[in-house]
Amino acid sequence: MSGSCSHVASIRDVTPSTRGCEECLKTGSPWVHLRLCRTCGHVGCCDDSPNRHATRHFEATGHPIIEGYDPPEGWGWCYIDEIEVDLPNRTPQRGPIPRFV
């Protein structure tokens, strides 16, 4: 699948910014699943969550690739090509991830 994504070269080894959705932790909002930006390490919530912070992060930064991250699931998604991508590795968890929903 990654052969048809033109952004796989932007995948980096990153350190997660937080152990939950960065913005939801600040506001006390719930989330469903977490997504990790593989460009900068931002942790945001998925599109099934009320605030969709991972997508908002992409819209604000243009960082194209996310990783399913609660726990690390080994799959990636490119927002620009709208395709699942194979990641070269899973980002290790920094500790227990709180669950809200």
PDB file of N, CA and C in Angstrom:
ATOM      1  N   MET A   1       0.803  -1.195   0.000  1.00  0.00           N
ATOM      2  CA  MET A   1       0.000   0.000   0.000  1.00  0.00           C
ATOM      3  C   MET A   1       0.846   1.259   0.000  1.00  0.00           C
ATOM      4  N   SER A   2       2.022   1.231   0.673  1.00  0.00           N
ATOM      5  CA  SER A   2       2.805   2.440   0.785  1.00  0.00           C
ATOM      6  C   SER A   2       3.390   2.854  -0.558  1.00  0.00           C
ATOM      7  N   GLY A   3       3.411   1.980  -1.550  1.00  0.00           N
ATOM      8  CA  GLY A   3       3.957   2.316  -2.843  1.00  0.00           C
ATOM      9  C   GLY A   3       3.192   3.420  -3.545  1.00  0.00           C
ATOM     10  N   SER A   4       1.914   3.588  -3.213  1.00  0.00           N
ATOM     11  CA  SER A   4       1.131   4.611  -3.882  1.00  0.00           C
ATOM     12  C   SER A   4       1.026   5.905  -3.076  1.00  0.00           C
ATOM     13  N   CYS A   5       1.687   5.948  -1.923  1.00  0.00           N
ATOM     14  CA  CYS A   5       1.711   7.172  -1.125  1.00  0.00           C
ATOM     15  C   CYS A   5       3.025   7.899  -1.398  1.00  0.00           C
ATOM     16  N   SER A   6       2.913   9.138  -1.800  1.00  0.00           N
ATOM     17  CA  SER A   6       4.112   9.909  -2.133  1.00  0.00           C
ATOM     18  C   SER A   6       4.721  10.608  -0.926  1.00  0.00           C
ATOM     19  N   HIS A   7       4.200  10.342   0.278  1.00  0.00           N
ATOM     20  CA  HIS A   7       4.679  11.042   1.473  1.00  0.00           C
ATOM     21  C   HIS A   7       5.388  10.144   2.471  1.00  0.00           C
ATOM     22  N   VAL A   8       5.636   8.870   2.129  1.00  0.00           N
ATOM     23  CA  VAL A   8       6.251   7.952   3.088  1.00  0.00           C
ATOM     24  C   VAL A   8       7.661   8.398   3.477  1.00  0.00           C
ATOM     25  N   ALA A   9       8.331   9.157   2.630  1.00  0.00           N
ATOM     26  CA  ALA A   9       9.669   9.644   2.970  1.00  0.00           C
ATOM     27  C   ALA A   9       9.640  10.620   4.139  1.00  0.00           C
ATOM     28  N   SER A  10       8.463  11.161   4.450  1.00  0.00           N
ATOM     29  CA  SER A  10       8.360  12.124   5.560  1.00  0.00           C
ATOM     30  C   SER A  10       8.188  11.430   6.916  1.00  0.00           C
ATOM     31  N   ILE A  11       8.048  10.102   6.927  1.00  0.00           N
ATOM     32  CA  ILE A  11       7.866   9.362   8.189  1.00  0.00           C
ATOM     33  C   ILE A  11       9.161   9.438   8.998  1.00  0.00           C
ATOM     34  N   ARG A  12       9.023   9.850  10.249  1.00  0.00           N
ATOM     35  CA  ARG A  12      10.187   9.965  11.151  1.00  0.00           C
ATOM     36  C   ARG A  12       9.953   9.153  12.414  1.00  0.00           C
ATOM     37  N   ASP A  13      11.049   8.814  13.095  1.00  0.00           N
ATOM     38  CA  ASP A  13      10.942   8.298  14.455  1.00  0.00           C
ATOM     39  C   ASP A  13      10.679   9.508  15.339  1.00  0.00           C
ATOM     40  N   VAL A  14       9.613   9.453  16.134  1.00  0.00           N
ATOM     41  CA  VAL A  14       9.220  10.615  16.932  1.00  0.00           C
ATOM     42  C   VAL A  14       9.027  10.212  18.391  1.00  0.00           C
ATOM     43  N   THR A  15       9.036  11.211  19.257  1.00  0.00           N
ATOM     44  CA  THR A  15       8.697  11.024  20.667  1.00  0.00           C
ATOM     45  C   THR A  15       7.302  11.600  20.873  1.00  0.00           C
ATOM     46  N   PRO A  16       6.342  10.802  21.353  1.00  0.00           N
ATOM     47  CA  PRO A  16       4.986  11.310  21.560  1.00  0.00           C
ATOM     48  C   PRO A  16       4.990  12.521  22.490  1.00  0.00           C
ATOM     49  N   SER A  17       4.206  13.543  22.121  1.00  0.00           N
ATOM     50  CA  SER A  17       4.172  14.791  22.885  1.00  0.00           C
ATOM     51  C   SER A  17       3.518  14.610  24.253  1.00  0.00           C
ATOM     52  N   THR A  18       2.568  13.699  24.352  1.00  0.00           N
ATOM     53  CA  THR A  18       1.840  13.459  25.600  1.00  0.00           C
ATOM     54  C   THR A  18       1.397  12.002  25.643  1.00  0.00           C
ATOM     55  N   ARG A  19       0.782  11.581  26.759  1.00  0.00           N
ATOM     56  CA  ARG A  19       0.268  10.212  26.864  1.00  0.00           C
ATOM     57  C   ARG A  19      -1.234  10.149  26.585  1.00  0.00           C
ATOM     58  N   GLY A  20      -1.782  11.174  26.003  1.00  0.00           N
ATOM     59  CA  GLY A  20      -3.179  11.226  25.584  1.00  0.00           C
ATOM     60  C   GLY A  20      -3.300  12.340  24.572  1.00  0.00           C
ATOM     61  N   CYS A  21      -4.518  12.625  24.115  1.00  0.00           N
ATOM     62  CA  CYS A  21      -4.715  13.728  23.164  1.00  0.00           C
ATOM     63  C   CYS A  21      -4.261  15.028  23.840  1.00  0.00           C
ATOM     64  N   GLU A  22      -3.288  15.682  23.217  1.00  0.00           N
ATOM     65  CA  GLU A  22      -2.683  16.878  23.802  1.00  0.00           C
ATOM     66  C   GLU A  22      -3.730  17.945  24.128  1.00  0.00           C
ATOM     67  N   GLU A  23      -4.617  18.243  23.195  1.00  0.00           N
ATOM     68  CA  GLU A  23      -5.609  19.298  23.403  1.00  0.00           C
ATOM     69  C   GLU A  23      -6.721  18.844  24.354  1.00  0.00           C
ATOM     70  N   CYS A  24      -7.164  17.582  24.248  1.00  0.00           N
ATOM     71  CA  CYS A  24      -8.231  17.080  25.134  1.00  0.00           C
ATOM     72  C   CYS A  24      -7.767  17.036  26.586  1.00  0.00           C
ATOM     73  N   LEU A  25      -6.504  16.711  26.814  1.00  0.00           N
ATOM     74  CA  LEU A  25      -5.990  16.708  28.183  1.00  0.00           C
ATOM     75  C   LEU A  25      -6.063  18.113  28.783  1.00  0.00           C
ATOM     76  N   LYS A  26      -5.833  19.134  27.957  1.00  0.00           N
ATOM     77  CA  LYS A  26      -5.879  20.519  28.445  1.00  0.00           C
ATOM     78  C   LYS A  26      -7.299  20.970  28.766  1.00  0.00           C
ATOM     79  N   THR A  27      -8.271  20.483  27.976  1.00  0.00           N
ATOM     80  CA  THR A  27      -9.649  20.951  28.153  1.00  0.00           C
ATOM     81  C   THR A  27     -10.538  19.982  28.913  1.00  0.00           C
ATOM     82  N   GLY A  28     -10.051  18.754  29.149  1.00  0.00           N
ATOM     83  CA  GLY A  28     -10.862  17.750  29.833  1.00  0.00           C
ATOM     84  C   GLY A  28     -11.883  17.080  28.931  1.00  0.00           C
ATOM     85  N   SER A  29     -11.696  17.176  27.622  1.00  0.00           N
ATOM     86  CA  SER A  29     -12.609  16.561  26.661  1.00  0.00           C
ATOM     87  C   SER A  29     -12.303  15.066  26.509  1.00  0.00           C
ATOM     88  N   PRO A  30     -13.324  14.267  26.205  1.00  0.00           N
ATOM     89  CA  PRO A  30     -13.085  12.836  25.983  1.00  0.00           C
ATOM     90  C   PRO A  30     -12.561  12.576  24.570  1.00  0.00           C
ATOM     91  N   TRP A  31     -11.953  11.415  24.377  1.00  0.00           N
ATOM     92  CA  TRP A  31     -11.573  10.967  23.036  1.00  0.00           C
ATOM     93  C   TRP A  31     -11.897   9.493  22.911  1.00  0.00           C
ATOM     94  N   VAL A  32     -11.889   9.004  21.653  1.00  0.00           N
ATOM     95  CA  VAL A  32     -12.172   7.590  21.381  1.00  0.00           C
ATOM     96  C   VAL A  32     -10.865   6.838  21.144  1.00  0.00           C
ATOM     97  N   HIS A  33     -10.066   7.280  20.168  1.00  0.00           N
ATOM     98  CA  HIS A  33      -8.773   6.679  19.857  1.00  0.00           C
ATOM     99  C   HIS A  33      -7.753   7.794  19.642  1.00  0.00           C
ATOM    100  N   LEU A  34      -6.476   7.408  19.714  1.00  0.00           N
ATOM    101  CA  LEU A  34      -5.397   8.387  19.547  1.00  0.00           C
ATOM    102  C   LEU A  34      -4.658   8.173  18.232  1.00  0.00           C
ATOM    103  N   ARG A  35      -4.147   9.267  17.700  1.00  0.00           N
ATOM    104  CA  ARG A  35      -3.336   9.247  16.480  1.00  0.00           C
ATOM    105  C   ARG A  35      -2.061  10.038  16.746  1.00  0.00           C
ATOM    106  N   LEU A  36      -0.940   9.487  16.287  1.00  0.00           N
ATOM    107  CA  LEU A  36       0.373  10.095  16.506  1.00  0.00           C
ATOM    108  C   LEU A  36       0.900  10.645  15.189  1.00  0.00           C
ATOM    109  N   CYS A  37       1.275  11.901  15.163  1.00  0.00           N
ATOM    110  CA  CYS A  37       1.876  12.504  13.974  1.00  0.00           C
ATOM    111  C   CYS A  37       3.285  11.955  13.810  1.00  0.00           C
ATOM    112  N   ARG A  38       3.574  11.346  12.664  1.00  0.00           N
ATOM    113  CA  ARG A  38       4.901  10.766  12.438  1.00  0.00           C
ATOM    114  C   ARG A  38       5.863  11.779  11.831  1.00  0.00           C
ATOM    115  N   THR A  39       5.496  13.058  11.877  1.00  0.00           N
ATOM    116  CA  THR A  39       6.435  14.118  11.512  1.00  0.00           C
ATOM    117  C   THR A  39       6.988  14.789  12.756  1.00  0.00           C
ATOM    118  N   CYS A  40       6.096  15.077  13.751  1.00  0.00           N
ATOM    119  CA  CYS A  40       6.545  15.867  14.903  1.00  0.00           C
ATOM    120  C   CYS A  40       6.223  15.238  16.264  1.00  0.00           C
ATOM    121  N   GLY A  41       5.422  14.179  16.320  1.00  0.00           N
ATOM    122  CA  GLY A  41       5.115  13.531  17.599  1.00  0.00           C
ATOM    123  C   GLY A  41       3.869  14.061  18.285  1.00  0.00           C
ATOM    124  N   HIS A  42       3.120  14.953  17.651  1.00  0.00           N
ATOM    125  CA  HIS A  42       1.861  15.440  18.234  1.00  0.00           C
ATOM    126  C   HIS A  42       0.910  14.257  18.423  1.00  0.00           C
ATOM    127  N   VAL A  43       0.276  14.181  19.589  1.00  0.00           N
ATOM    128  CA  VAL A  43      -0.733  13.160  19.849  1.00  0.00           C
ATOM    129  C   VAL A  43      -2.096  13.847  19.831  1.00  0.00           C
ATOM    130  N   GLY A  44      -2.972  13.397  18.938  1.00  0.00           N
ATOM    131  CA  GLY A  44      -4.314  13.958  18.818  1.00  0.00           C
ATOM    132  C   GLY A  44      -5.351  12.851  18.802  1.00  0.00           C
ATOM    133  N   CYS A  45      -6.604  13.252  18.886  1.00  0.00           N
ATOM    134  CA  CYS A  45      -7.690  12.270  18.906  1.00  0.00           C
ATOM    135  C   CYS A  45      -8.212  12.017  17.488  1.00  0.00           C
ATOM    136  N   CYS A  46      -8.846  10.852  17.310  1.00  0.00           N
ATOM    137  CA  CYS A  46      -9.313  10.398  15.994  1.00  0.00           C
ATOM    138  C   CYS A  46     -10.571  11.146  15.551  1.00  0.00           C
ATOM    139  N   ASP A  47     -10.996  10.864  14.336  1.00  0.00           N
ATOM    140  CA  ASP A  47     -12.185  11.522  13.787  1.00  0.00           C
ATOM    141  C   ASP A  47     -13.484  11.035  14.405  1.00  0.00           C
ATOM    142  N   ASP A  48     -13.479   9.934  15.145  1.00  0.00           N
ATOM    143  CA  ASP A  48     -14.670   9.507  15.886  1.00  0.00           C
ATOM    144  C   ASP A  48     -14.785  10.233  17.221  1.00  0.00           C
ATOM    145  N   SER A  49     -13.759  10.960  17.609  1.00  0.00           N
ATOM    146  CA  SER A  49     -13.768  11.731  18.853  1.00  0.00           C
ATOM    147  C   SER A  49     -14.469  13.072  18.607  1.00  0.00           C
ATOM    148  N   PRO A  50     -15.025  13.670  19.651  1.00  0.00           N
ATOM    149  CA  PRO A  50     -15.776  14.924  19.462  1.00  0.00           C
ATOM    150  C   PRO A  50     -14.969  16.055  18.819  1.00  0.00           C
ATOM    151  N   ASN A  51     -13.678  16.154  19.089  1.00  0.00           N
ATOM    152  CA  ASN A  51     -12.911  17.318  18.629  1.00  0.00           C
ATOM    153  C   ASN A  51     -11.956  17.064  17.462  1.00  0.00           C
ATOM    154  N   ARG A  52     -11.731  15.812  17.080  1.00  0.00           N
ATOM    155  CA  ARG A  52     -10.940  15.460  15.890  1.00  0.00           C
ATOM    156  C   ARG A  52      -9.593  16.202  15.845  1.00  0.00           C
ATOM    157  N   HIS A  53      -8.857  16.197  16.933  1.00  0.00           N
ATOM    158  CA  HIS A  53      -7.633  16.994  17.011  1.00  0.00           C
ATOM    159  C   HIS A  53      -6.514  16.509  16.094  1.00  0.00           C
ATOM    160  N   ALA A  54      -6.450  15.216  15.765  1.00  0.00           N
ATOM    161  CA  ALA A  54      -5.403  14.755  14.837  1.00  0.00           C
ATOM    162  C   ALA A  54      -5.620  15.365  13.457  1.00  0.00           C
ATOM    163  N   THR A  55      -6.863  15.374  12.980  1.00  0.00           N
ATOM    164  CA  THR A  55      -7.162  15.979  11.681  1.00  0.00           C
ATOM    165  C   THR A  55      -6.922  17.488  11.723  1.00  0.00           C
ATOM    166  N   ARG A  56      -7.286  18.112  12.819  1.00  0.00           N
ATOM    167  CA  ARG A  56      -7.036  19.564  12.950  1.00  0.00           C
ATOM    168  C   ARG A  56      -5.541  19.869  12.910  1.00  0.00           C
ATOM    169  N   HIS A  57      -4.740  18.989  13.526  1.00  0.00           N
ATOM    170  CA  HIS A  57      -3.286  19.159  13.494  1.00  0.00           C
ATOM    171  C   HIS A  57      -2.790  19.072  12.051  1.00  0.00           C
ATOM    172  N   PHE A  58      -3.279  18.083  11.302  1.00  0.00           N
ATOM    173  CA  PHE A  58      -2.896  17.977   9.887  1.00  0.00           C
ATOM    174  C   PHE A  58      -3.290  19.242   9.121  1.00  0.00           C
ATOM    175  N   GLU A  59      -4.497  19.725   9.327  1.00  0.00           N
ATOM    176  CA  GLU A  59      -4.962  20.913   8.604  1.00  0.00           C
ATOM    177  C   GLU A  59      -4.126  22.148   8.945  1.00  0.00           C
ATOM    178  N   ALA A  60      -3.639  22.223  10.173  1.00  0.00           N
ATOM    179  CA  ALA A  60      -2.848  23.386  10.594  1.00  0.00           C
ATOM    180  C   ALA A  60      -1.387  23.298  10.166  1.00  0.00           C
ATOM    181  N   THR A  61      -0.849  22.062  10.105  1.00  0.00           N
ATOM    182  CA  THR A  61       0.584  21.901   9.865  1.00  0.00           C
ATOM    183  C   THR A  61       0.940  21.324   8.504  1.00  0.00           C
ATOM    184  N   GLY A  62       0.026  20.553   7.913  1.00  0.00           N
ATOM    185  CA  GLY A  62       0.337  19.856   6.668  1.00  0.00           C
ATOM    186  C   GLY A  62       1.127  18.582   6.875  1.00  0.00           C
ATOM    187  N   HIS A  63       1.344  18.168   8.128  1.00  0.00           N
ATOM    188  CA  HIS A  63       2.049  16.913   8.398  1.00  0.00           C
ATOM    189  C   HIS A  63       1.156  15.761   7.948  1.00  0.00           C
ATOM    190  N   PRO A  64       1.589  14.955   6.960  1.00  0.00           N
ATOM    191  CA  PRO A  64       0.663  14.052   6.283  1.00  0.00           C
ATOM    192  C   PRO A  64       0.394  12.697   6.936  1.00  0.00           C
ATOM    193  N   ILE A  65       1.344  12.132   7.690  1.00  0.00           N
ATOM    194  CA  ILE A  65       1.236  10.729   8.121  1.00  0.00           C
ATOM    195  C   ILE A  65       0.969  10.631   9.624  1.00  0.00           C
ATOM    196  N   ILE A  66      -0.043   9.816   9.989  1.00  0.00           N
ATOM    197  CA  ILE A  66      -0.316   9.521  11.389  1.00  0.00           C
ATOM    198  C   ILE A  66      -0.179   8.025  11.623  1.00  0.00           C
ATOM    199  N   GLU A  67      -0.027   7.679  12.908  1.00  0.00           N
ATOM    200  CA  GLU A  67       0.039   6.283  13.327  1.00  0.00           C
ATOM    201  C   GLU A  67      -1.077   6.034  14.331  1.00  0.00           C
ATOM    202  N   GLY A  68      -1.784   4.899  14.209  1.00  0.00           N
ATOM    203  CA  GLY A  68      -2.745   4.507  15.233  1.00  0.00           C
ATOM    204  C   GLY A  68      -1.976   4.286  16.525  1.00  0.00           C
ATOM    205  N   TYR A  69      -2.432   4.917  17.622  1.00  0.00           N
ATOM    206  CA  TYR A  69      -1.552   4.982  18.794  1.00  0.00           C
ATOM    207  C   TYR A  69      -2.246   4.791  20.140  1.00  0.00           C
ATOM    208  N   ASP A  70      -3.021   3.762  20.339  1.00  0.00           N
ATOM    209  CA  ASP A  70      -3.518   3.538  21.698  1.00  0.00           C
ATOM    210  C   ASP A  70      -3.938   2.097  21.909  1.00  0.00           C
ATOM    211  N   PRO A  71      -3.052   1.205  22.102  1.00  0.00           N
ATOM    212  CA  PRO A  71      -1.585   1.309  22.032  1.00  0.00           C
ATOM    213  C   PRO A  71      -1.121   1.383  20.572  1.00  0.00           C
ATOM    214  N   PRO A  72       0.195   1.524  20.354  1.00  0.00           N
ATOM    215  CA  PRO A  72       0.674   1.571  18.968  1.00  0.00           C
ATOM    216  C   PRO A  72       0.162   0.362  18.191  1.00  0.00           C
ATOM    217  N   GLU A  73      -0.461   0.620  17.050  1.00  0.00           N
ATOM    218  CA  GLU A  73      -1.149  -0.429  16.298  1.00  0.00           C
ATOM    219  C   GLU A  73      -0.406  -0.853  15.039  1.00  0.00           C
ATOM    220  N   GLY A  74       0.649  -0.133  14.654  1.00  0.00           N
ATOM    221  CA  GLY A  74       1.465  -0.536  13.521  1.00  0.00           C
ATOM    222  C   GLY A  74       0.921  -0.146  12.161  1.00  0.00           C
ATOM    223  N   TRP A  75      -0.150   0.628  12.124  1.00  0.00           N
ATOM    224  CA  TRP A  75      -0.643   1.077  10.823  1.00  0.00           C
ATOM    225  C   TRP A  75      -0.520   2.593  10.743  1.00  0.00           C
ATOM    226  N   GLY A  76      -0.468   3.092   9.505  1.00  0.00           N
ATOM    227  CA  GLY A  76      -0.387   4.520   9.288  1.00  0.00           C
ATOM    228  C   GLY A  76      -1.429   4.970   8.286  1.00  0.00           C
ATOM    229  N   TRP A  77      -1.662   6.278   8.242  1.00  0.00           N
ATOM    230  CA  TRP A  77      -2.626   6.865   7.322  1.00  0.00           C
ATOM    231  C   TRP A  77      -2.051   8.153   6.770  1.00  0.00           C
ATOM    232  N   CYS A  78      -2.187   8.324   5.463  1.00  0.00           N
ATOM    233  CA  CYS A  78      -1.761   9.575   4.828  1.00  0.00           C
ATOM    234  C   CYS A  78      -2.998  10.411   4.547  1.00  0.00           C
ATOM    235  N   TYR A  79      -3.084  11.579   5.179  1.00  0.00           N
ATOM    236  CA  TYR A  79      -4.222  12.466   4.972  1.00  0.00           C
ATOM    237  C   TYR A  79      -4.277  12.989   3.540  1.00  0.00           C
ATOM    238  N   ILE A  80      -3.136  13.228   2.931  1.00  0.00           N
ATOM    239  CA  ILE A  80      -3.121  13.832   1.596  1.00  0.00           C
ATOM    240  C   ILE A  80      -3.551  12.824   0.529  1.00  0.00           C
ATOM    241  N   ASP A  81      -2.946  11.632   0.549  1.00  0.00           N
ATOM    242  CA  ASP A  81      -3.283  10.609  -0.442  1.00  0.00           C
ATOM    243  C   ASP A  81      -4.512   9.798  -0.042  1.00  0.00           C
ATOM    244  N   GLU A  82      -4.967   9.965   1.215  1.00  0.00           N
ATOM    245  CA  GLU A  82      -6.124   9.237   1.743  1.00  0.00           C
ATOM    246  C   GLU A  82      -5.967   7.735   1.531  1.00  0.00           C
ATOM    247  N   ILE A  83      -4.841   7.211   2.067  1.00  0.00           N
ATOM    248  CA  ILE A  83      -4.518   5.804   1.899  1.00  0.00           C
ATOM    249  C   ILE A  83      -3.784   5.311   3.139  1.00  0.00           C
ATOM    250  N   GLU A  84      -4.010   4.029   3.478  1.00  0.00           N
ATOM    251  CA  GLU A  84      -3.265   3.412   4.567  1.00  0.00           C
ATOM    252  C   GLU A  84      -1.837   3.164   4.103  1.00  0.00           C
ATOM    253  N   VAL A  85      -0.872   3.406   4.981  1.00  0.00           N
ATOM    254  CA  VAL A  85       0.535   3.217   4.626  1.00  0.00           C
ATOM    255  C   VAL A  85       1.195   2.262   5.611  1.00  0.00           C
ATOM    256  N   ASP A  86       2.180   1.520   5.116  1.00  0.00           N
ATOM    257  CA  ASP A  86       2.975   0.643   5.960  1.00  0.00           C
ATOM    258  C   ASP A  86       4.036   1.479   6.653  1.00  0.00           C
ATOM    259  N   LEU A  87       4.092   1.377   7.979  1.00  0.00           N
ATOM    260  CA  LEU A  87       5.104   2.119   8.735  1.00  0.00           C
ATOM    261  C   LEU A  87       6.344   1.252   8.907  1.00  0.00           C
ATOM    262  N   PRO A  88       7.523   1.857   8.978  1.00  0.00           N
ATOM    263  CA  PRO A  88       8.753   1.072   9.139  1.00  0.00           C
ATOM    264  C   PRO A  88       8.893   0.496  10.550  1.00  0.00           C
ATOM    265  N   ASN A  89       8.158   1.053  11.520  1.00  0.00           N
ATOM    266  CA  ASN A  89       8.226   0.586  12.907  1.00  0.00           C
ATOM    267  C   ASN A  89       7.047   1.163  13.680  1.00  0.00           C
ATOM    268  N   ARG A  90       6.866   0.659  14.905  1.00  0.00           N
ATOM    269  CA  ARG A  90       5.858   1.196  15.813  1.00  0.00           C
ATOM    270  C   ARG A  90       6.551   2.110  16.810  1.00  0.00           C
ATOM    271  N   THR A  91       5.905   3.215  17.124  1.00  0.00           N
ATOM    272  CA  THR A  91       6.456   4.130  18.114  1.00  0.00           C
ATOM    273  C   THR A  91       6.170   3.568  19.499  1.00  0.00           C
ATOM    274  N   PRO A  92       7.203   3.382  20.330  1.00  0.00           N
ATOM    275  CA  PRO A  92       6.963   2.847  21.678  1.00  0.00           C
ATOM    276  C   PRO A  92       6.121   3.795  22.527  1.00  0.00           C
ATOM    277  N   GLN A  93       5.283   3.210  23.373  1.00  0.00           N
ATOM    278  CA  GLN A  93       4.515   4.009  24.331  1.00  0.00           C
ATOM    279  C   GLN A  93       5.440   4.535  25.405  1.00  0.00           C
ATOM    280  N   ARG A  94       5.133   5.720  25.925  1.00  0.00           N
ATOM    281  CA  ARG A  94       5.921   6.323  27.010  1.00  0.00           C
ATOM    282  C   ARG A  94       5.382   5.913  28.369  1.00  0.00           C
ATOM    283  N   GLY A  95       4.330   5.174  28.436  1.00  0.00           N
ATOM    284  CA  GLY A  95       3.708   4.776  29.699  1.00  0.00           C
ATOM    285  C   GLY A  95       2.261   4.472  29.429  1.00  0.00           C
ATOM    286  N   PRO A  96       1.493   4.165  30.474  1.00  0.00           N
ATOM    287  CA  PRO A  96       0.081   3.862  30.254  1.00  0.00           C
ATOM    288  C   PRO A  96      -0.660   5.059  29.646  1.00  0.00           C
ATOM    289  N   ILE A  97      -1.502   4.756  28.685  1.00  0.00           N
ATOM    290  CA  ILE A  97      -2.288   5.793  28.025  1.00  0.00           C
ATOM    291  C   ILE A  97      -3.675   5.810  28.647  1.00  0.00           C
ATOM    292  N   PRO A  98      -4.111   6.960  29.178  1.00  0.00           N
ATOM    293  CA  PRO A  98      -5.453   7.020  29.750  1.00  0.00           C
ATOM    294  C   PRO A  98      -6.512   6.841  28.670  1.00  0.00           C
ATOM    295  N   ARG A  99      -7.626   6.243  29.020  1.00  0.00           N
ATOM    296  CA  ARG A  99      -8.735   6.058  28.084  1.00  0.00           C
ATOM    297  C   ARG A  99      -9.911   6.879  28.584  1.00  0.00           C
ATOM    298  N   PHE A 100     -10.614   7.501  27.668  1.00  0.00           N
ATOM    299  CA  PHE A 100     -11.728   8.335  28.067  1.00  0.00           C
ATOM    300  C   PHE A 100     -13.081   7.808  27.619  1.00  0.00           C
ATOM    301  N   VAL A 101     -13.185   7.171  26.465  1.00  0.00           N
ATOM    302  CA  VAL A 101     -14.492   6.715  25.975  1.00  0.00           C
ATOM    303  C   VAL A 101     -14.473   5.212  25.850  1.00  0.00           C
TER     304      VAL A 101
END
